[in-house]
Amino acid sequence: MSDEEFVYANFSSSVTLTLEYSLEYVGKTVWYQFRWVNLKNDPGPWSENIVSAVIG
């Protein structure tokens, strides 16, 4: 999977983030990739690990 295939989902200023999906996505797999952005809005590198989950 390439970086271009990811879609921006959300921004969180805390360690936790909750995303809501519509019912049409139940049972489908999603992939997440993360990176930090500092207070000057400078982004860090993307995480090396890509995490997947099935929407319940």
C-alpha atoms as a PDB file:
ATOM      1  CA  MET A   1       0.000   0.000   0.000  1.00  0.00           C
ATOM      2  CA  SER A   2       1.461   3.375  -0.956  1.00  0.00           C
ATOM      3  CA  ASP A   3       1.154   6.651   0.968  1.00  0.00           C
ATOM      4  CA  GLU A   4      -0.962   8.102  -1.838  1.00  0.00           C
ATOM      5  CA  GLU A   5      -3.704   5.560  -1.127  1.00  0.00           C
ATOM      6  CA  PHE A   6      -4.335   6.938   2.357  1.00  0.00           C
ATOM      7  CA  VAL A   7      -7.018   9.565   2.948  1.00  0.00           C
ATOM      8  CA  TYR A   8      -6.752  12.144   5.721  1.00  0.00           C
ATOM      9  CA  ALA A   9      -9.173  11.114   8.449  1.00  0.00           C
ATOM     10  CA  ASN A  10      -8.752  13.400  11.414  1.00  0.00           C
ATOM     11  CA  PHE A  11      -6.512  15.372  13.741  1.00  0.00           C
ATOM     12  CA  SER A  12      -6.209  14.764  17.470  1.00  0.00           C
ATOM     13  CA  SER A  13      -4.409  16.812  20.094  1.00  0.00           C
ATOM     14  CA  SER A  14      -4.603  13.920  22.546  1.00  0.00           C
ATOM     15  CA  VAL A  15      -3.315  10.362  22.504  1.00  0.00           C
ATOM     16  CA  THR A  16      -6.735   8.880  21.711  1.00  0.00           C
ATOM     17  CA  LEU A  17      -8.883   9.415  18.646  1.00  0.00           C
ATOM     18  CA  THR A  18     -12.356   8.118  17.859  1.00  0.00           C
ATOM     19  CA  LEU A  19     -13.493   7.841  14.244  1.00  0.00           C
ATOM     20  CA  GLU A  20     -17.093   7.173  13.273  1.00  0.00           C
ATOM     21  CA  TYR A  21     -18.031   5.271  10.125  1.00  0.00           C
ATOM     22  CA  SER A  22     -21.410   4.932   8.440  1.00  0.00           C
ATOM     23  CA  LEU A  23     -23.151   1.560   8.472  1.00  0.00           C
ATOM     24  CA  GLU A  24     -22.131   0.832   4.875  1.00  0.00           C
ATOM     25  CA  TYR A  25     -18.550   0.242   6.088  1.00  0.00           C
ATOM     26  CA  VAL A  26     -19.372  -2.398   8.739  1.00  0.00           C
ATOM     27  CA  GLY A  27     -17.289  -5.513   8.134  1.00  0.00           C
ATOM     28  CA  LYS A  28     -14.766  -3.733   5.897  1.00  0.00           C
ATOM     29  CA  THR A  29     -11.068  -3.433   6.684  1.00  0.00           C
ATOM     30  CA  VAL A  30      -9.479  -0.031   7.227  1.00  0.00           C
ATOM     31  CA  TRP A  31      -5.774   0.797   7.515  1.00  0.00           C
ATOM     32  CA  TYR A  32      -4.256   3.536   9.634  1.00  0.00           C
ATOM     33  CA  GLN A  33      -0.932   5.300   9.430  1.00  0.00           C
ATOM     34  CA  PHE A  34       0.080   7.998  11.895  1.00  0.00           C
ATOM     35  CA  ARG A  35       2.435  10.936  12.290  1.00  0.00           C
ATOM     36  CA  TRP A  36       3.027  13.673  14.801  1.00  0.00           C
ATOM     37  CA  VAL A  37       2.609  17.375  14.027  1.00  0.00           C
ATOM     38  CA  ASN A  38       4.292  19.855  16.364  1.00  0.00           C
ATOM     39  CA  LEU A  39       2.895  23.163  17.648  1.00  0.00           C
ATOM     40  CA  LYS A  40       4.382  24.973  14.626  1.00  0.00           C
ATOM     41  CA  ASN A  41       2.357  22.640  12.367  1.00  0.00           C
ATOM     42  CA  ASP A  42       5.535  20.917  11.145  1.00  0.00           C
ATOM     43  CA  PRO A  43       4.727  17.251  10.387  1.00  0.00           C
ATOM     44  CA  GLY A  44       7.043  14.467  11.414  1.00  0.00           C
ATOM     45  CA  PRO A  45       7.664  11.293   9.418  1.00  0.00           C
ATOM     46  CA  TRP A  46       4.879   8.797   8.824  1.00  0.00           C
ATOM     47  CA  SER A  47       4.877   5.767  11.092  1.00  0.00           C
ATOM     48  CA  GLU A  48       6.692   2.734   9.716  1.00  0.00           C
ATOM     49  CA  ASN A  49       3.877   0.427  10.852  1.00  0.00           C
ATOM     50  CA  ILE A  50       0.473   0.397   9.225  1.00  0.00           C
ATOM     51  CA  VAL A  51      -2.341  -0.781  11.494  1.00  0.00           C
ATOM     52  CA  SER A  52      -5.474  -2.481  10.181  1.00  0.00           C
ATOM     53  CA  ALA A  53      -8.850  -3.064  11.794  1.00  0.00           C
ATOM     54  CA  VAL A  54     -12.260  -4.387  10.777  1.00  0.00           C
ATOM     55  CA  ILE A  55     -15.101  -1.937  11.340  1.00  0.00           C
ATOM     56  CA  GLY A  56     -17.560  -3.461  13.787  1.00  0.00           C
END
